[in-house]
Amino acid sequence: MLKKCKYLLMLMLSVATSLQAYTYLEDDFDDGTVDPWIYSYDANMGGATYYESGGSLTITDIIDLHPEINYGARIFFSQTLSYGVSNDFHADYQFSWNEYNDPNARQILQIKLLSTDGHAVADVAFQDAWPTIPGRMNAFIYNETNTYLYSGLQNMPYSGSADIDIDRVGDTVSIAWDDTTLLSGVNTEEVVSVLIMVWHGAWTSGVPMSFGDFDIEYINLTGDAPLVSTIPEPASLVLLGVSIISFMIRRKK
């Protein structure tokens, strides 16, 4: 009997340990709907074509109301987390782009981890804001006093993909692009939402600029269990296990 109780207690401890990790966001974009992402856009956006199909969120067009304004037009997909991420976390996502070998393509994709009031904690971007010049990889880490920036060489191919990892351990945030660390910096802010931003500049120096497409294949964010959640705390699970064992011993007697 005591042997069975010992195994039960070990099981409860194992479950308690496994519940330390928590999934804050997991989207493989495979259910055919953009929800629960919230779609929005800025004042210069006159239309956009996007859809979720085949395991990716695809953006194929953005129409500028006033293409002569070099500001361009932007669309956004945002999702607020059920619980803020206050401690260590791991975020990973994969995206791809295709400019169809057009040197006059102008398009940017940024995926950001945001704190309160829309303040960015970290973001990674494929950035091609310049006509006749290929795009580049960008990485940013922010805090209240510093901005850490990595700007890659402007030599990205007209089509490609990127596997991104953002990790925070203690107060250090690091960003890796295809398993190569680009940037590290300090940030201790709580992550409360995730934002996807897509930009198109349709006109520059009187020349129309094209927009190819972007695909976001998945976005995941995991970390320490939230401070407030419906997940039982390890101590509660152990207490439950001890109570069950005590009951079983009394019943045996």
Protein backbone atom coordinates (compact mmCIF):
# COMPACT_ATOMS: atom_id res chain seq x y z
CA MET A 1 0.00 0.00 0.00
CA LEU A 2 2.75 2.42 0.98
CA LYS A 3 4.56 1.54 -2.24
CA LYS A 4 1.51 2.53 -4.26
CA CYS A 5 1.28 5.76 -2.29
CA LYS A 6 4.92 6.50 -3.03
CA TYR A 7 4.34 6.08 -6.76
CA LEU A 8 1.27 8.31 -6.57
CA LEU A 9 3.21 11.04 -4.81
CA MET A 10 5.99 10.81 -7.40
CA LEU A 11 3.39 11.16 -10.14
CA MET A 12 1.90 14.25 -8.51
CA LEU A 13 5.35 15.82 -8.19
CA SER A 14 6.07 15.02 -11.83
CA VAL A 15 2.83 16.68 -12.94
CA ALA A 16 3.60 19.71 -10.77
CA THR A 17 7.02 20.06 -12.39
CA SER A 18 5.66 19.72 -15.91
CA LEU A 19 3.14 22.51 -15.31
CA GLN A 20 5.88 25.11 -14.87
CA ALA A 21 5.85 25.79 -18.63
CA TYR A 22 2.86 27.56 -20.13
CA THR A 23 1.75 28.22 -23.73
CA TYR A 24 0.67 31.83 -24.07
CA LEU A 25 0.12 31.77 -27.83
CA GLU A 26 0.21 28.98 -30.41
CA ASP A 27 -1.05 29.48 -33.95
CA ASP A 28 -0.17 27.31 -36.94
CA PHE A 29 -2.60 29.26 -39.15
CA ASP A 30 -4.30 26.06 -40.23
CA ASP A 31 -7.95 26.56 -39.22
CA GLY A 32 -9.01 28.74 -42.16
CA THR A 33 -9.79 31.87 -40.13
CA VAL A 34 -7.67 34.79 -39.02
CA ASP A 35 -9.50 34.97 -35.67
CA PRO A 36 -8.61 35.54 -32.87
CA TRP A 37 -6.16 37.97 -34.48
CA ILE A 38 -7.64 41.48 -34.67
CA TYR A 39 -7.24 43.16 -38.06
CA SER A 40 -6.69 46.91 -38.40
CA TYR A 41 -5.01 49.42 -40.73
CA ASP A 42 -3.77 52.98 -40.93
CA ALA A 43 -5.37 55.98 -42.66
CA ASN A 44 -3.52 55.60 -45.98
CA MET A 45 -4.59 51.98 -46.53
CA GLY A 46 -7.26 51.64 -49.21
CA GLY A 47 -7.50 47.85 -49.33
CA ALA A 48 -5.60 44.64 -48.69
CA THR A 49 -5.76 41.01 -49.71
CA TYR A 50 -5.02 38.42 -47.04
CA TYR A 51 -6.22 34.96 -46.13
CA GLU A 52 -5.41 31.96 -43.97
CA SER A 53 -5.06 28.68 -45.83
CA GLY A 54 -2.79 25.66 -45.99
CA GLY A 55 -0.99 26.41 -42.75
CA SER A 56 -0.07 30.04 -43.31
CA LEU A 57 -1.41 33.58 -43.06
CA THR A 58 -0.78 35.08 -46.52
CA ILE A 59 -0.77 38.77 -47.42
CA THR A 60 -0.69 39.39 -51.18
CA ASP A 61 -1.61 43.03 -51.67
CA ILE A 62 -1.88 46.40 -49.94
CA ILE A 63 -3.42 49.37 -51.77
CA ASP A 64 -2.22 52.88 -50.89
CA LEU A 65 -4.95 55.53 -51.00
CA HIS A 66 -2.32 58.15 -51.79
CA PRO A 67 0.64 56.38 -53.38
CA GLU A 68 2.46 59.67 -53.83
CA ILE A 69 2.88 59.86 -50.04
CA ASN A 70 6.14 58.13 -49.26
CA TYR A 71 4.80 57.08 -45.87
CA GLY A 72 3.11 54.11 -47.52
CA ALA A 73 0.25 52.06 -46.05
CA ARG A 74 0.19 49.51 -43.24
CA ILE A 75 -2.04 46.70 -42.04
CA PHE A 76 -1.90 45.04 -38.61
CA PHE A 77 -2.86 41.74 -37.02
CA SER A 78 -2.75 41.81 -33.23
CA GLN A 79 -3.54 39.38 -30.43
CA THR A 80 -3.71 40.17 -26.73
CA LEU A 81 -2.49 37.38 -24.47
CA SER A 82 -4.74 35.93 -21.80
CA TYR A 83 -1.93 36.47 -19.27
CA GLY A 84 1.12 38.71 -19.39
CA VAL A 85 4.57 37.08 -19.67
CA SER A 86 6.54 38.52 -16.78
CA ASN A 87 9.54 36.18 -16.59
CA ASP A 88 11.53 33.96 -18.94
CA PHE A 89 9.96 33.15 -22.32
CA HIS A 90 10.66 31.58 -25.70
CA ALA A 91 9.02 32.90 -28.87
CA ASP A 92 9.48 31.31 -32.27
CA TYR A 93 7.91 31.99 -35.61
CA GLN A 94 8.55 31.34 -39.26
CA PHE A 95 7.75 33.55 -42.21
CA SER A 96 8.61 33.81 -45.90
CA TRP A 97 8.56 36.47 -48.58
CA ASN A 98 8.48 36.62 -52.37
CA GLU A 99 9.13 39.78 -54.42
CA TYR A 100 9.10 37.91 -57.73
CA ASN A 101 12.53 39.20 -58.74
CA ASP A 102 11.24 42.77 -58.94
CA PRO A 103 13.89 45.32 -57.87
CA ASN A 104 11.12 47.90 -57.39
CA ALA A 105 9.31 45.92 -54.73
CA ARG A 106 8.83 47.82 -51.46
CA GLN A 107 7.49 45.82 -48.55
CA ILE A 108 8.18 45.23 -44.87
CA LEU A 109 7.08 42.54 -42.43
CA GLN A 110 7.56 43.08 -38.68
CA ILE A 111 6.49 40.75 -35.89
CA LYS A 112 6.63 42.39 -32.46
CA LEU A 113 6.31 41.40 -28.84
CA LEU A 114 4.62 44.31 -27.07
CA SER A 115 4.40 45.49 -23.49
CA THR A 116 1.77 47.80 -22.05
CA ASP A 117 0.72 50.91 -24.00
CA GLY A 118 2.05 49.37 -27.21
CA HIS A 119 5.68 49.68 -26.15
CA ALA A 120 7.82 47.16 -28.03
CA VAL A 121 9.93 44.61 -26.16
CA ALA A 122 11.49 43.03 -29.25
CA ASP A 123 10.79 42.63 -32.95
CA VAL A 124 12.25 41.12 -36.07
CA ALA A 125 11.66 42.32 -39.62
CA PHE A 126 12.26 41.61 -43.26
CA GLN A 127 12.70 45.17 -44.48
CA ASP A 128 12.78 46.29 -48.09
CA ALA A 129 11.91 49.97 -48.11
CA TRP A 130 14.27 50.99 -50.92
CA PRO A 131 13.75 50.78 -54.69
CA THR A 132 16.42 48.91 -56.68
CA ILE A 133 18.07 47.68 -53.44
CA PRO A 134 17.37 44.19 -52.03
CA GLY A 135 15.89 43.85 -48.56
CA ARG A 136 17.65 43.10 -45.30
CA MET A 137 17.06 41.44 -41.93
CA ASN A 138 16.46 43.68 -38.93
CA ALA A 139 16.26 42.93 -35.20
CA PHE A 140 15.32 45.24 -32.33
CA ILE A 141 15.32 44.95 -28.53
CA TYR A 142 13.98 47.86 -26.50
CA ASN A 143 13.91 48.99 -22.91
CA GLU A 144 13.20 52.28 -21.17
CA THR A 145 16.68 53.72 -21.77
CA ASN A 146 18.24 51.84 -24.70
CA THR A 147 17.43 50.47 -28.12
CA TYR A 148 19.49 47.54 -29.37
CA LEU A 149 19.49 47.33 -33.16
CA TYR A 150 20.87 44.90 -35.70
CA SER A 151 20.66 45.93 -39.36
CA GLY A 152 21.84 43.27 -41.75
CA LEU A 153 23.44 43.95 -45.09
CA GLN A 154 21.07 44.87 -47.89
CA ASN A 155 21.65 41.62 -49.70
CA MET A 156 18.61 39.46 -49.01
CA PRO A 157 17.27 37.42 -51.93
CA TYR A 158 14.00 38.36 -53.60
CA SER A 159 12.40 35.27 -52.05
CA GLY A 160 13.26 33.32 -48.95
CA SER A 161 12.19 32.28 -45.47
CA ALA A 162 13.31 32.86 -41.91
CA ASP A 163 13.00 30.87 -38.70
CA ILE A 164 13.06 33.30 -35.77
CA ASP A 165 13.70 32.60 -32.08
CA ILE A 166 13.41 35.20 -29.31
CA ASP A 167 14.42 34.13 -25.81
CA ARG A 168 14.50 35.89 -22.47
CA VAL A 169 16.50 34.39 -19.63
CA GLY A 170 16.61 36.56 -16.54
CA ASP A 171 16.79 40.08 -17.93
CA THR A 172 18.64 39.21 -21.16
CA VAL A 173 16.74 38.96 -24.45
CA SER A 174 18.38 37.36 -27.49
CA ILE A 175 17.16 37.13 -31.09
CA ALA A 176 18.24 34.43 -33.55
CA TRP A 177 17.57 34.26 -37.30
CA ASP A 178 17.91 30.71 -38.70
CA ASP A 179 19.77 29.63 -35.56
CA THR A 180 22.29 32.49 -35.83
CA THR A 181 22.15 34.97 -32.96
CA LEU A 182 21.77 38.52 -34.31
CA LEU A 183 21.32 40.54 -31.15
CA SER A 184 21.20 40.47 -27.35
CA GLY A 185 20.01 43.15 -24.95
CA VAL A 186 18.33 43.83 -21.64
CA ASN A 187 14.56 43.98 -21.16
CA THR A 188 12.44 43.05 -18.13
CA GLU A 189 9.04 44.33 -19.29
CA GLU A 190 5.92 42.19 -19.27
CA VAL A 191 4.84 40.94 -22.72
CA VAL A 192 1.08 41.41 -23.11
CA SER A 193 0.44 41.14 -26.88
CA VAL A 194 1.85 40.13 -30.25
CA LEU A 195 1.64 42.32 -33.36
CA ILE A 196 2.14 41.52 -37.05
CA MET A 197 2.72 44.64 -39.18
CA VAL A 198 2.88 44.63 -42.99
CA TRP A 199 3.87 47.74 -44.98
CA HIS A 200 3.80 48.70 -48.65
CA GLY A 201 5.23 51.84 -50.20
CA ALA A 202 3.53 52.06 -53.60
CA TRP A 203 5.34 55.01 -55.11
CA THR A 204 8.73 56.68 -55.05
CA SER A 205 10.23 59.32 -57.34
CA GLY A 206 7.28 58.90 -59.70
CA VAL A 207 7.88 55.17 -60.18
CA PRO A 208 5.26 52.59 -59.09
CA MET A 209 6.56 50.11 -56.53
CA SER A 210 5.23 46.55 -56.46
CA PHE A 211 4.19 44.31 -53.58
CA GLY A 212 4.84 40.58 -53.73
CA ASP A 213 3.58 38.57 -50.78
CA PHE A 214 4.32 37.45 -47.23
CA ASP A 215 3.47 34.17 -45.52
CA ILE A 216 3.54 33.64 -41.76
CA GLU A 217 3.65 29.89 -41.09
CA TYR A 218 3.38 29.84 -37.30
CA ILE A 219 3.84 31.90 -34.15
CA ASN A 220 4.39 30.33 -30.72
CA LEU A 221 5.09 31.91 -27.34
CA THR A 222 5.81 29.84 -24.24
CA GLY A 223 7.22 30.70 -20.85
CA ASP A 224 6.98 30.35 -17.12
CA ALA A 225 3.47 29.78 -15.79
CA PRO A 226 1.56 33.06 -15.34
CA LEU A 227 1.29 34.56 -11.89
CA VAL A 228 -2.50 34.33 -12.09
CA SER A 229 -3.98 31.37 -13.93
CA THR A 230 -6.37 28.46 -13.72
CA ILE A 231 -3.42 26.05 -13.65
CA PRO A 232 -3.01 24.45 -10.20
CA GLU A 233 0.16 25.51 -8.47
CA PRO A 234 2.71 22.76 -7.77
CA ALA A 235 2.16 23.19 -4.02
CA SER A 236 -1.58 22.67 -4.49
CA LEU A 237 -0.98 19.52 -6.50
CA VAL A 238 1.37 18.11 -3.87
CA LEU A 239 -1.14 18.93 -1.12
CA LEU A 240 -3.82 17.14 -3.11
CA GLY A 241 -1.54 14.12 -3.50
CA VAL A 242 -0.76 14.00 0.22
CA SER A 243 -4.47 14.25 1.04
CA ILE A 244 -5.28 11.34 -1.28
CA ILE A 245 -2.49 9.25 0.23
CA SER A 246 -3.66 9.99 3.78
CA PHE A 247 -7.20 9.02 2.85
CA MET A 248 -6.03 5.76 1.29
CA ILE A 249 -3.93 4.87 4.39
CA ARG A 250 -6.84 5.56 6.75
CA ARG A 251 -9.17 3.49 4.58
CA LYS A 252 -6.68 0.61 4.50
CA LYS A 253 -6.46 0.64 8.28
